[in-house]
N, C-alpha and C. Protein backbone atom coordinates (compact mmCIF):
# COMPACT_ATOMS: atom_id res chain seq x y z
N MET A 1 117.39 147.48 -86.53
CA MET A 1 118.49 147.26 -85.60
C MET A 1 119.05 148.69 -85.31
N ALA A 2 119.45 149.01 -84.10
CA ALA A 2 120.48 149.68 -83.73
C ALA A 2 122.13 149.46 -83.44
N ASP A 3 122.62 150.03 -83.59
CA ASP A 3 123.99 150.09 -84.24
C ASP A 3 124.86 149.63 -82.76
N GLN A 4 126.00 148.98 -82.21
CA GLN A 4 125.86 148.19 -81.30
C GLN A 4 126.89 148.78 -80.21
N ALA A 5 128.32 149.08 -81.30
CA ALA A 5 129.44 149.52 -80.89
C ALA A 5 130.25 151.12 -81.38
N PHE A 6 131.21 151.48 -80.38
CA PHE A 6 131.45 152.16 -80.41
C PHE A 6 133.30 151.70 -80.67
N VAL A 7 133.96 152.39 -80.74
CA VAL A 7 135.65 151.77 -81.10
C VAL A 7 136.32 153.56 -80.90
N TYR A 8 137.44 153.60 -80.00
CA TYR A 8 138.49 154.14 -79.27
C TYR A 8 140.23 154.13 -79.53
N THR A 9 140.45 154.96 -80.63
CA THR A 9 141.24 154.40 -81.05
C THR A 9 142.76 155.27 -81.16
N GLU A 10 143.86 155.12 -80.49
CA GLU A 10 144.88 156.07 -80.49
C GLU A 10 145.97 155.20 -80.64
N LEU A 11 147.07 156.26 -82.07
CA LEU A 11 147.65 156.19 -82.70
C LEU A 11 149.49 157.15 -81.53
N GLN A 12 150.51 156.05 -81.21
CA GLN A 12 151.44 156.73 -80.45
C GLN A 12 152.63 157.03 -81.18
N ILE A 13 151.68 158.34 -81.99
CA ILE A 13 152.07 159.13 -83.22
C ILE A 13 152.38 161.05 -82.85
N SER A 14 153.23 161.55 -84.02
CA SER A 14 153.22 163.46 -82.97
C SER A 14 153.45 163.58 -84.86
N VAL A 15 152.29 163.76 -85.37
CA VAL A 15 151.85 164.17 -86.05
C VAL A 15 151.05 165.30 -86.47
N PRO A 16 151.31 166.94 -86.90
CA PRO A 16 150.22 167.53 -87.24
C PRO A 16 149.06 167.22 -88.27
N PHE A 17 147.86 167.23 -87.90
CA PHE A 17 146.90 166.98 -88.55
C PHE A 17 146.69 167.04 -90.08
N GLU A 18 146.87 168.51 -90.52
CA GLU A 18 147.33 168.64 -92.41
C GLU A 18 148.58 167.86 -92.72
N ASP A 19 149.17 167.22 -91.47
CA ASP A 19 150.46 166.54 -92.42
C ASP A 19 150.03 164.82 -92.95
N ALA A 20 148.70 164.11 -91.98
CA ALA A 20 148.46 162.80 -91.84
C ALA A 20 147.60 162.93 -92.87
N PRO A 21 148.09 161.53 -93.61
CA PRO A 21 147.03 160.84 -94.63
C PRO A 21 145.38 160.44 -94.72
N TRP A 22 145.20 162.10 -93.76
CA TRP A 22 143.78 161.17 -93.76
C TRP A 22 142.64 160.74 -94.87
N LYS A 23 142.46 161.67 -95.93
CA LYS A 23 142.24 161.03 -97.08
C LYS A 23 142.47 159.83 -98.15
N GLU A 24 143.29 159.27 -97.44
CA GLU A 24 143.18 157.93 -98.18
C GLU A 24 143.59 157.42 -97.31
N ILE A 25 143.49 157.26 -95.75
CA ILE A 25 142.55 156.14 -94.50
C ILE A 25 140.99 156.80 -94.30
N ASN A 26 140.38 157.48 -94.58
CA ASN A 26 138.74 157.76 -94.52
C ASN A 26 138.78 156.92 -95.94
N LYS A 27 139.20 156.46 -97.06
CA LYS A 27 138.82 155.74 -98.19
C LYS A 27 138.13 154.60 -98.02
N THR A 28 140.09 154.57 -96.50
CA THR A 28 140.30 152.92 -96.77
C THR A 28 138.32 152.59 -95.43
N LEU A 29 138.41 153.11 -94.37
CA LEU A 29 137.87 153.38 -93.77
C LEU A 29 136.29 152.97 -93.89
N LEU A 30 135.96 153.37 -94.86
CA LEU A 30 135.07 153.36 -95.06
C LEU A 30 133.81 152.02 -96.77
N GLU A 31 135.45 151.76 -96.72
CA GLU A 31 135.02 150.54 -97.00
C GLU A 31 134.92 148.95 -95.56
N GLN A 32 135.27 149.36 -94.50
CA GLN A 32 135.22 148.45 -93.15
C GLN A 32 134.27 148.19 -92.46
N PRO A 33 134.08 146.60 -93.08
CA PRO A 33 132.93 145.99 -92.62
C PRO A 33 131.74 146.61 -91.40
N GLY A 34 130.54 147.15 -91.34
CA GLY A 34 129.70 147.46 -90.83
C GLY A 34 130.59 149.03 -90.14
N PHE A 35 130.99 149.94 -90.81
CA PHE A 35 131.49 151.13 -90.30
C PHE A 35 130.29 151.49 -90.36
N VAL A 36 129.92 152.74 -89.38
CA VAL A 36 128.74 153.80 -89.35
C VAL A 36 129.29 154.79 -90.29
N ASN A 37 130.33 155.49 -88.78
CA ASN A 37 130.92 156.61 -88.87
C ASN A 37 131.70 157.11 -87.92
N LYS A 38 132.57 157.82 -88.07
CA LYS A 38 133.70 158.68 -87.76
C LYS A 38 134.10 160.32 -87.25
N THR A 39 134.75 159.85 -85.94
CA THR A 39 135.45 161.53 -85.61
C THR A 39 136.36 161.66 -85.17
N TRP A 40 137.27 162.10 -86.13
CA TRP A 40 139.00 161.97 -85.99
C TRP A 40 139.13 163.08 -84.56
N LEU A 41 140.40 162.32 -84.08
CA LEU A 41 140.79 163.38 -82.94
C LEU A 41 141.76 163.20 -82.61
N ALA A 42 142.59 164.59 -83.05
CA ALA A 42 143.89 165.05 -82.67
C ALA A 42 144.48 165.70 -81.65
N GLY A 43 145.75 165.01 -81.34
CA GLY A 43 145.93 165.34 -79.81
C GLY A 43 146.59 167.02 -79.64
N THR A 44 145.52 167.94 -79.19
CA THR A 44 146.00 169.08 -78.96
C THR A 44 148.02 169.70 -78.65
N THR A 45 148.40 168.89 -77.61
CA THR A 45 150.43 169.04 -77.82
C THR A 45 150.60 167.57 -77.37
N ASN A 46 150.43 166.06 -78.38
CA ASN A 46 151.30 165.72 -78.63
C ASN A 46 151.00 165.15 -80.31
N LYS A 47 149.72 166.14 -80.86
CA LYS A 47 149.49 165.71 -82.08
C LYS A 47 149.50 163.99 -82.68
N SER A 48 148.83 163.19 -81.17
CA SER A 48 147.76 162.38 -81.23
C SER A 48 147.29 161.70 -82.63
N LEU A 49 146.57 161.25 -83.12
CA LEU A 49 145.71 160.57 -83.96
C LEU A 49 145.15 159.90 -83.80
N GLY A 50 143.69 159.69 -83.86
CA GLY A 50 142.95 158.63 -83.29
C GLY A 50 141.24 159.23 -83.90
N GLY A 51 140.83 158.06 -83.08
CA GLY A 51 139.23 158.20 -83.59
C GLY A 51 138.13 158.10 -82.67
N LEU A 52 136.94 158.09 -82.59
CA LEU A 52 135.47 157.90 -82.04
C LEU A 52 134.63 157.05 -83.58
N TYR A 53 134.48 155.49 -83.34
CA TYR A 53 134.13 155.33 -84.61
C TYR A 53 132.74 154.80 -83.68
N THR A 54 131.81 154.58 -84.64
CA THR A 54 130.63 153.60 -84.44
C THR A 54 130.60 152.94 -85.50
N PHE A 55 130.51 151.82 -85.10
CA PHE A 55 130.09 150.35 -85.84
C PHE A 55 128.30 150.03 -85.25
N ALA A 56 128.35 148.73 -86.57
CA ALA A 56 126.75 148.20 -86.61
C ALA A 56 126.88 146.98 -85.39
N THR A 57 127.42 145.97 -85.63
CA THR A 57 128.04 144.87 -84.43
C THR A 57 128.85 144.94 -83.89
N ILE A 58 128.80 144.44 -82.42
CA ILE A 58 130.24 144.19 -81.58
C ILE A 58 131.10 143.46 -83.08
N GLU A 59 131.23 142.11 -83.66
CA GLU A 59 131.61 141.93 -84.54
C GLU A 59 132.17 142.61 -84.83
N ASP A 60 131.56 143.29 -85.97
CA ASP A 60 132.43 144.90 -86.89
C ASP A 60 133.27 144.84 -86.39
N ALA A 61 133.09 145.48 -84.84
CA ALA A 61 134.25 146.16 -83.94
C ALA A 61 135.52 145.44 -83.48
N GLN A 62 135.23 144.37 -83.70
CA GLN A 62 136.23 143.58 -82.93
C GLN A 62 136.96 143.15 -84.12
N GLY A 63 136.19 142.69 -85.19
CA GLY A 63 137.02 142.74 -86.26
C GLY A 63 137.64 143.77 -86.94
N PHE A 64 137.45 144.83 -86.44
CA PHE A 64 138.28 146.20 -87.25
C PHE A 64 139.49 146.31 -86.51
N VAL A 65 139.20 145.79 -84.43
CA VAL A 65 140.39 146.29 -83.86
C VAL A 65 141.24 145.32 -84.06
N THR A 66 140.79 144.02 -84.12
CA THR A 66 142.26 142.76 -84.43
C THR A 66 142.54 142.88 -85.71
N GLY A 67 142.31 143.74 -86.60
CA GLY A 67 142.32 143.09 -88.27
C GLY A 67 142.93 144.86 -88.88
N TYR A 68 141.89 145.05 -89.29
CA TYR A 68 142.11 146.23 -89.52
C TYR A 68 143.05 147.64 -88.90
N PHE A 69 142.57 147.47 -87.02
CA PHE A 69 143.66 149.12 -87.35
C PHE A 69 144.63 148.63 -86.93
N PRO A 70 145.22 147.13 -86.68
CA PRO A 70 146.90 147.21 -86.18
C PRO A 70 147.37 147.28 -87.25
N SER A 71 146.98 146.89 -88.46
CA SER A 71 147.78 146.46 -89.95
C SER A 71 148.40 148.20 -90.63
N GLU A 72 147.28 149.26 -89.48
CA GLU A 72 147.30 150.59 -89.84
C GLU A 72 148.30 151.07 -89.19
N ALA A 73 148.27 151.07 -88.18
CA ALA A 73 149.18 151.37 -86.92
C ALA A 73 150.95 150.83 -87.58
N ALA A 74 151.00 149.39 -87.90
CA ALA A 74 151.88 149.15 -88.93
C ALA A 74 152.44 149.80 -89.77
N LYS A 75 151.79 149.96 -90.13
CA LYS A 75 152.43 151.00 -91.86
C LYS A 75 152.82 152.29 -90.94
N PHE A 76 152.40 152.60 -89.69
CA PHE A 76 153.55 153.79 -89.28
C PHE A 76 154.42 153.63 -88.60
N GLY A 77 154.22 152.20 -88.41
CA GLY A 77 155.33 151.82 -87.10
C GLY A 77 155.19 152.42 -86.45
N VAL A 78 154.11 152.84 -85.46
CA VAL A 78 153.92 153.48 -83.86
C VAL A 78 152.92 152.18 -83.41
N ALA A 79 153.18 151.89 -81.89
CA ALA A 79 152.19 151.46 -80.70
C ALA A 79 151.29 152.30 -81.01
N GLN A 80 150.05 151.86 -80.34
CA GLN A 80 148.90 152.01 -80.81
C GLN A 80 147.38 151.27 -79.80
N THR A 81 146.61 152.05 -79.29
CA THR A 81 145.95 151.89 -78.87
C THR A 81 144.28 151.44 -79.28
N THR A 82 143.72 150.07 -78.42
CA THR A 82 141.92 150.37 -79.41
C THR A 82 141.77 150.01 -77.80
N ARG A 83 140.12 150.58 -78.27
CA ARG A 83 139.39 150.41 -77.22
C ARG A 83 137.64 149.92 -77.63
N ILE A 84 136.99 149.00 -77.64
CA ILE A 84 135.48 148.45 -77.91
C ILE A 84 134.28 149.45 -76.46
N PHE A 85 133.24 149.63 -77.20
CA PHE A 85 132.59 150.21 -76.22
C PHE A 85 131.21 149.29 -76.46
N ASP A 86 130.57 148.87 -75.94
CA ASP A 86 128.91 148.90 -75.46
C ASP A 86 127.89 150.05 -75.77
N ARG A 87 127.84 150.28 -77.36
CA ARG A 87 127.39 151.35 -77.16
C ARG A 87 125.53 151.25 -76.69
N LEU A 88 124.90 150.11 -76.59
CA LEU A 88 123.38 150.10 -76.46
C LEU A 88 123.62 150.71 -74.77
N ALA A 89 124.11 150.09 -73.89
CA ALA A 89 124.43 149.99 -72.56
C ALA A 89 123.97 151.12 -72.14
N THR A 90 124.55 152.51 -72.46
CA THR A 90 124.52 154.00 -72.28
C THR A 90 123.94 154.71 -73.37
N GLU A 91 123.10 154.30 -73.97
CA GLU A 91 121.86 155.48 -74.73
C GLU A 91 121.38 156.60 -73.65
N GLU A 92 120.50 155.87 -72.61
CA GLU A 92 119.30 156.51 -71.63
C GLU A 92 120.79 157.86 -70.53
N ALA A 93 121.49 157.32 -70.71
CA ALA A 93 122.90 158.16 -69.43
C ALA A 93 123.35 159.69 -70.99
N SER A 94 123.88 159.31 -72.06
CA SER A 94 124.42 159.61 -73.34
C SER A 94 123.28 160.23 -74.39
N ARG A 95 121.89 159.86 -73.79
CA ARG A 95 120.22 160.67 -74.63
C ARG A 95 120.55 162.37 -73.49
N ASP A 96 120.61 161.97 -71.78
CA ASP A 96 120.75 163.20 -70.95
C ASP A 96 121.84 163.38 -71.28
N MET A 97 122.84 163.14 -72.05
CA MET A 97 123.82 164.52 -72.32
C MET A 97 123.83 165.31 -73.73
N ASN A 98 122.82 165.40 -74.61
CA ASN A 98 122.42 165.82 -75.64
C ASN A 98 124.06 165.15 -76.31
N SER A 99 123.46 163.85 -76.45
CA SER A 99 124.53 162.65 -77.26
C SER A 99 124.38 162.79 -78.88
N VAL A 100 125.53 163.63 -79.77
CA VAL A 100 125.09 163.80 -80.46
C VAL A 100 125.38 161.92 -81.96
N HIS A 101 125.59 161.07 -80.81
CA HIS A 101 125.38 159.96 -81.32
C HIS A 101 123.37 159.09 -80.48
N TRP A 102 123.81 160.09 -80.52
CA TRP A 102 121.71 160.02 -79.73
C TRP A 102 120.98 161.09 -79.89
N ASP A 103 120.92 161.40 -81.31
CA ASP A 103 119.96 162.93 -81.76
C ASP A 103 120.71 164.19 -80.93
N GLY A 104 121.30 164.07 -80.12
CA GLY A 104 121.72 164.95 -79.53
C GLY A 104 121.88 166.62 -80.73
N ARG A 105 122.03 167.97 -80.60
CA ARG A 105 121.99 168.48 -81.12
C ARG A 105 122.98 169.93 -80.62
N LEU A 106 123.90 170.05 -80.99
CA LEU A 106 124.88 171.48 -81.01
C LEU A 106 124.21 172.64 -80.51
N ALA A 107 125.21 173.26 -79.29
CA ALA A 107 124.41 174.56 -79.95
C ALA A 107 125.78 175.18 -80.84
N GLN A 108 126.41 174.83 -80.94
CA GLN A 108 127.29 175.26 -81.20
C GLN A 108 128.84 174.17 -82.06
N LYS A 109 129.46 174.42 -82.98
CA LYS A 109 130.51 173.15 -83.16
C LYS A 109 131.30 173.39 -82.65
N PRO A 110 131.81 172.49 -82.44
CA PRO A 110 132.86 171.95 -81.24
C PRO A 110 133.93 172.77 -81.62
N GLY A 111 135.11 172.79 -80.36
CA GLY A 111 135.80 173.46 -80.12
C GLY A 111 137.97 172.10 -79.86
N ALA A 112 136.75 172.31 -79.63
CA ALA A 112 137.92 170.20 -78.57
C ALA A 112 136.68 169.50 -78.24
N PHE A 113 137.93 168.38 -77.82
CA PHE A 113 136.80 166.74 -77.25
C PHE A 113 137.70 166.59 -76.58
N VAL A 114 137.09 165.87 -75.10
CA VAL A 114 137.42 165.02 -74.00
C VAL A 114 137.38 163.69 -73.79
N TYR A 115 138.38 162.47 -73.87
CA TYR A 115 138.13 161.71 -74.10
C TYR A 115 138.38 161.05 -72.23
N THR A 116 137.36 159.88 -71.89
CA THR A 116 137.77 159.74 -69.71
C THR A 116 137.44 158.18 -69.99
N GLU A 117 138.64 157.97 -69.19
CA GLU A 117 138.12 156.51 -68.84
C GLU A 117 138.44 156.22 -67.54
N VAL A 118 138.35 155.39 -66.69
CA VAL A 118 138.32 155.16 -65.31
C VAL A 118 138.28 153.87 -65.30
N GLN A 119 139.31 153.45 -64.19
CA GLN A 119 140.32 152.15 -64.19
C GLN A 119 139.11 151.82 -63.19
N LEU A 120 137.74 151.19 -63.32
CA LEU A 120 136.41 150.48 -63.15
C LEU A 120 135.98 149.14 -63.38
N HIS A 121 135.75 148.66 -62.95
CA HIS A 121 134.56 147.31 -63.13
C HIS A 121 133.33 147.76 -62.83
N VAL A 122 132.24 148.51 -63.85
CA VAL A 122 131.33 148.66 -62.86
C VAL A 122 129.75 148.44 -64.18
N PRO A 123 129.12 147.11 -64.24
CA PRO A 123 128.21 147.49 -64.69
C PRO A 123 127.05 148.84 -65.25
N PHE A 124 127.19 149.49 -66.52
CA PHE A 124 127.08 150.13 -66.57
C PHE A 124 125.53 150.78 -66.07
N ASP A 125 124.55 149.86 -65.77
CA ASP A 125 123.15 150.03 -65.08
C ASP A 125 123.17 150.59 -63.44
N GLU A 126 124.24 149.84 -63.03
CA GLU A 126 125.09 150.16 -62.13
C GLU A 126 125.99 151.34 -61.22
N ALA A 127 125.98 152.14 -62.47
CA ALA A 127 127.15 153.40 -62.31
C ALA A 127 125.88 154.51 -61.96
N PRO A 128 127.41 155.27 -61.36
CA PRO A 128 126.34 156.66 -60.57
C PRO A 128 126.22 157.30 -61.55
N TRP A 129 125.50 157.90 -62.85
CA TRP A 129 125.35 158.48 -63.64
C TRP A 129 124.35 160.04 -63.33
N ARG A 130 123.28 159.14 -63.31
CA ARG A 130 122.19 159.85 -62.33
C ARG A 130 122.27 161.07 -61.48
N GLU A 131 123.94 160.39 -60.75
CA GLU A 131 124.82 161.51 -60.18
C GLU A 131 124.69 162.31 -60.12
N MET A 132 126.04 162.23 -60.94
CA MET A 132 127.16 163.05 -61.37
C MET A 132 126.34 163.82 -63.15
N ASN A 133 125.73 163.32 -63.65
CA ASN A 133 124.68 164.08 -64.79
C ASN A 133 124.74 165.35 -64.92
N PRO A 134 124.15 165.18 -64.21
CA PRO A 134 123.77 167.01 -63.12
C PRO A 134 125.08 168.42 -63.24
N VAL A 135 125.73 167.33 -62.39
CA VAL A 135 126.75 168.31 -62.06
C VAL A 135 127.90 168.36 -63.66
N LEU A 136 128.14 167.13 -64.68
CA LEU A 136 128.49 167.61 -65.20
C LEU A 136 128.12 168.58 -66.80
N LYS A 137 126.80 168.35 -66.11
CA LYS A 137 126.31 170.05 -67.18
C LYS A 137 126.24 171.37 -66.74
N GLN A 138 126.99 171.62 -65.08
CA GLN A 138 127.37 172.26 -65.26
C GLN A 138 129.00 173.05 -65.69
N GLN A 139 129.36 171.55 -65.43
CA GLN A 139 130.91 172.22 -66.46
C GLN A 139 130.96 172.89 -67.74
N PRO A 140 132.02 173.83 -67.46
CA PRO A 140 131.81 175.40 -68.30
C PRO A 140 132.66 174.16 -69.25
N GLY A 141 131.88 175.30 -70.96
CA GLY A 141 131.77 175.05 -72.22
C GLY A 141 131.30 173.43 -71.90
N LEU A 142 131.14 172.90 -71.68
CA LEU A 142 130.50 171.57 -72.32
C LEU A 142 128.90 171.58 -72.79
N LEU A 143 129.10 171.12 -73.93
CA LEU A 143 128.32 171.19 -75.77
C LEU A 143 127.83 169.46 -75.06
N ALA A 144 128.24 168.68 -74.70
CA ALA A 144 127.45 167.17 -74.81
C ALA A 144 128.73 166.46 -74.47
N LYS A 145 128.27 165.07 -74.09
CA LYS A 145 128.65 163.97 -74.12
C LYS A 145 128.22 162.41 -74.32
N THR A 146 128.94 161.72 -74.68
CA THR A 146 128.82 160.13 -75.27
C THR A 146 128.80 159.83 -74.49
N TRP A 147 128.46 158.82 -72.99
CA TRP A 147 129.27 157.64 -72.35
C TRP A 147 129.84 156.44 -72.71
N LEU A 148 130.43 156.26 -72.58
CA LEU A 148 130.92 154.20 -72.45
C LEU A 148 131.30 153.83 -71.42
N SER A 149 131.07 152.42 -72.15
CA SER A 149 131.29 151.40 -71.41
C SER A 149 132.06 150.06 -72.30
N GLY A 150 132.94 150.30 -71.47
CA GLY A 150 134.24 148.66 -71.95
C GLY A 150 133.38 148.16 -72.56
N LEU A 151 133.09 147.28 -72.83
CA LEU A 151 132.62 145.78 -73.61
C LEU A 151 134.36 144.70 -72.72
N HIS A 152 133.38 143.89 -72.21
CA HIS A 152 133.90 142.95 -71.30
C HIS A 152 134.37 143.37 -69.87
N THR A 153 135.13 144.83 -70.23
CA THR A 153 136.06 145.53 -68.62
C THR A 153 135.08 145.83 -67.81
N LYS A 154 134.11 146.73 -69.02
CA LYS A 154 132.76 147.20 -68.02
C LYS A 154 133.53 148.49 -67.45
N THR A 155 134.57 148.85 -67.70
CA THR A 155 135.03 150.70 -67.86
C THR A 155 134.05 151.26 -67.70
N PRO A 156 133.76 152.36 -67.44
CA PRO A 156 132.98 153.85 -67.91
C PRO A 156 133.97 155.15 -68.11
N GLY A 157 133.48 155.35 -68.63
CA GLY A 157 134.26 156.60 -69.55
C GLY A 157 133.13 157.73 -70.80
N GLY A 158 133.94 158.47 -70.70
CA GLY A 158 132.84 159.06 -72.24
C GLY A 158 134.16 159.71 -73.29
N LEU A 159 132.73 160.13 -74.64
CA LEU A 159 133.60 161.44 -75.48
C LEU A 159 132.78 162.70 -74.84
N TYR A 160 133.57 164.40 -74.88
CA TYR A 160 132.91 165.21 -74.94
C TYR A 160 132.83 166.29 -75.63
N ALA A 161 132.18 166.93 -75.70
CA ALA A 161 132.76 167.62 -76.87
C ALA A 161 132.50 169.35 -76.40
N PHE A 162 133.71 170.10 -75.84
CA PHE A 162 133.47 171.58 -75.58
C PHE A 162 133.50 172.43 -76.41
N ASP A 163 133.37 174.13 -75.89
CA ASP A 163 133.46 174.73 -77.08
C ASP A 163 135.20 175.22 -77.42
N THR A 164 135.53 175.06 -76.41
CA THR A 164 137.39 175.34 -76.47
C THR A 164 138.17 174.72 -76.16
N ILE A 165 138.97 174.72 -76.29
CA ILE A 165 140.40 174.05 -76.13
C ILE A 165 140.67 174.01 -74.19
N ASP A 166 140.60 175.76 -74.02
CA ASP A 166 140.59 175.94 -72.94
C ASP A 166 139.53 175.34 -71.59
N ASN A 167 138.41 175.33 -72.43
CA ASN A 167 137.62 174.78 -71.15
C ASN A 167 137.73 173.08 -71.12
N ALA A 168 138.06 172.56 -72.54
CA ALA A 168 138.03 170.97 -72.61
C ALA A 168 139.68 170.67 -71.49
N ARG A 169 140.37 171.57 -71.49
CA ARG A 169 142.48 171.21 -71.14
C ARG A 169 141.24 171.98 -69.32
N ALA A 170 140.60 172.73 -69.19
CA ALA A 170 140.12 172.69 -67.47
C ALA A 170 139.78 171.59 -66.80
N PHE A 171 138.80 171.29 -67.29
CA PHE A 171 137.78 170.49 -67.13
C PHE A 171 138.46 168.58 -67.01
N ALA A 172 139.71 168.37 -67.79
CA ALA A 172 140.57 166.87 -67.58
C ALA A 172 141.05 167.37 -66.74
N THR A 173 141.83 168.60 -66.67
CA THR A 173 142.94 168.50 -65.43
C THR A 173 142.20 169.23 -63.85
N GLY A 174 140.87 170.08 -63.98
CA GLY A 174 140.72 170.47 -62.58
C GLY A 174 139.84 169.34 -62.32
N TYR A 175 138.37 169.59 -62.96
CA TYR A 175 136.81 168.58 -62.24
C TYR A 175 137.36 167.62 -62.27
N PHE A 176 137.69 166.78 -63.35
CA PHE A 176 137.67 165.12 -63.78
C PHE A 176 138.36 164.56 -62.85
N PRO A 177 139.67 165.35 -62.88
CA PRO A 177 140.16 164.14 -61.30
C PRO A 177 139.04 164.41 -59.84
N THR A 178 139.43 164.76 -59.73
CA THR A 178 137.84 165.28 -58.37
C THR A 178 136.76 164.60 -58.34
N GLU A 179 136.31 163.84 -59.58
CA GLU A 179 135.78 162.53 -60.16
C GLU A 179 136.37 161.61 -59.94
N ALA A 180 137.47 161.32 -60.10
CA ALA A 180 137.67 159.50 -59.50
C ALA A 180 138.33 159.58 -59.20
N ARG A 181 138.60 160.68 -57.80
CA ARG A 181 139.02 160.58 -56.70
C ARG A 181 137.86 159.71 -55.86
N GLY A 182 137.06 160.71 -56.06
CA GLY A 182 135.75 160.65 -55.64
C GLY A 182 134.84 158.99 -55.81
N LEU A 183 135.44 157.97 -56.86
CA LEU A 183 135.37 156.96 -56.86
C LEU A 183 136.40 156.27 -56.18
N ASN A 184 137.59 157.10 -56.63
CA ASN A 184 138.65 155.93 -55.89
C ASN A 184 139.48 154.95 -57.07
N ALA A 185 139.25 155.74 -57.83
CA ALA A 185 139.81 155.19 -59.46
C ALA A 185 141.42 155.72 -60.15
N ALA A 186 142.29 155.07 -60.66
CA ALA A 186 142.77 155.56 -62.12
C ALA A 186 142.09 156.36 -63.03
N PHE A 187 143.01 156.60 -63.88
CA PHE A 187 141.90 157.48 -64.50
C PHE A 187 142.79 157.39 -65.95
N TYR A 188 142.12 158.07 -67.16
CA TYR A 188 143.05 158.40 -68.41
C TYR A 188 141.88 158.81 -68.99
N THR A 189 142.53 160.49 -69.23
CA THR A 189 142.59 161.39 -69.84
C THR A 189 142.89 161.87 -71.19
N ARG A 190 141.98 162.73 -72.11
CA ARG A 190 142.90 163.51 -73.23
C ARG A 190 141.87 164.25 -73.91
N VAL A 191 142.86 165.64 -74.33
CA VAL A 191 142.71 166.39 -74.89
C VAL A 191 142.90 166.60 -76.52
N PHE A 192 141.81 166.70 -77.75
CA PHE A 192 141.33 166.76 -78.60
C PHE A 192 141.75 168.30 -79.42
N ASP A 193 141.84 168.76 -80.21
CA ASP A 193 141.69 170.04 -81.03
C ASP A 193 139.85 169.64 -82.29
N ALA A 194 139.34 169.77 -82.02
CA ALA A 194 138.03 169.81 -83.07
C ALA A 194 138.15 170.60 -84.01
N ALA A 195 138.78 171.19 -83.86
CA ALA A 195 138.29 172.21 -85.12
C ALA A 195 139.28 171.77 -86.17
N VAL A 196 140.77 171.61 -86.11
CA VAL A 196 141.59 170.62 -87.09
C VAL A 196 140.66 169.52 -88.25
N VAL A 197 139.95 168.80 -87.44
CA VAL A 197 139.91 167.25 -87.97
C VAL A 197 138.13 168.03 -88.68
N GLU A 198 137.26 168.92 -88.53
CA GLU A 198 136.38 168.74 -89.21
C GLU A 198 135.54 168.57 -90.74
N THR A 199 136.56 168.94 -91.34
CA THR A 199 136.40 168.43 -93.30
C THR A 199 136.96 166.30 -92.84
N ALA A 200 137.43 166.27 -92.08
CA ALA A 200 138.60 165.00 -92.76
C ALA A 200 136.99 164.01 -91.41
N SER A 201 136.45 165.04 -90.70
CA SER A 201 135.06 163.56 -90.10
C SER A 201 134.04 164.02 -90.64
N ARG A 202 133.67 164.68 -91.74
CA ARG A 202 132.77 165.39 -92.43
C ARG A 202 132.30 164.37 -93.38
N GLU A 203 134.06 164.06 -93.83
CA GLU A 203 133.75 163.01 -94.91
C GLU A 203 133.41 161.70 -94.06
N LEU A 204 133.17 161.14 -93.18
CA LEU A 204 133.31 159.97 -92.42
C LEU A 204 131.73 159.78 -91.41
N ARG A 205 130.79 161.17 -92.07
CA ARG A 205 129.59 161.03 -91.51
C ARG A 205 129.98 161.64 -89.64
N SER A 206 130.91 161.98 -89.60
CA SER A 206 130.81 161.88 -88.02
C SER A 206 129.84 162.94 -87.35
N PRO A 207 128.70 162.82 -86.23
CA PRO A 207 127.83 163.14 -85.49
C PRO A 207 127.77 164.41 -85.12
N PHE A 208 129.48 164.75 -85.13
CA PHE A 208 129.56 166.19 -84.29
C PHE A 208 129.45 167.28 -85.35
N PHE A 209 129.90 167.30 -86.35
CA PHE A 209 129.11 167.68 -87.20
C PHE A 209 128.42 167.94 -88.49
N ALA A 210 127.57 167.08 -88.55
CA ALA A 210 126.10 166.42 -89.32
C ALA A 210 125.42 168.70 -89.28
């Protein structure tokens, strides 16, 4: 049975990734029910900590965001963000974008990740991804995208891999706002440094560093 859920997390914290206790956290994450993999995310300017996870079932993902993760945030004494996404809903669109979560292969190691989410309620099979994917493929430095569709909320979004932080930042501040404007919707973007999280992510079977 295919894995069913993605989880996005971010802690409202400012910690250089090399100072984060990721080794201890990784050991605990590997013991979480239904955990499949995680790609660590480290903010390029604010030094926030987070990740994109794959879970075997929606129920496992729900247990993680309501149980373990809030307790982890409490240890740091910080606020947190979590999102659950329906992995299966976006398979076709993600495969078309070379998603490593659906057997895609990167031409090189990613230098940056971009997370996006648009404030819309759209069943994913009605989303205009077929029109959007060809334009996204033309964005400078884009290596791959995994489409995301919010559980219950139906918010569309994605996790993108870019070759460099500069190209990721240009996408997040230049192109993506025009896409959101075309949808007449508010949006959320984050840029993350991929290089600093490689070792930690490999320990958690990240498909970006397979």
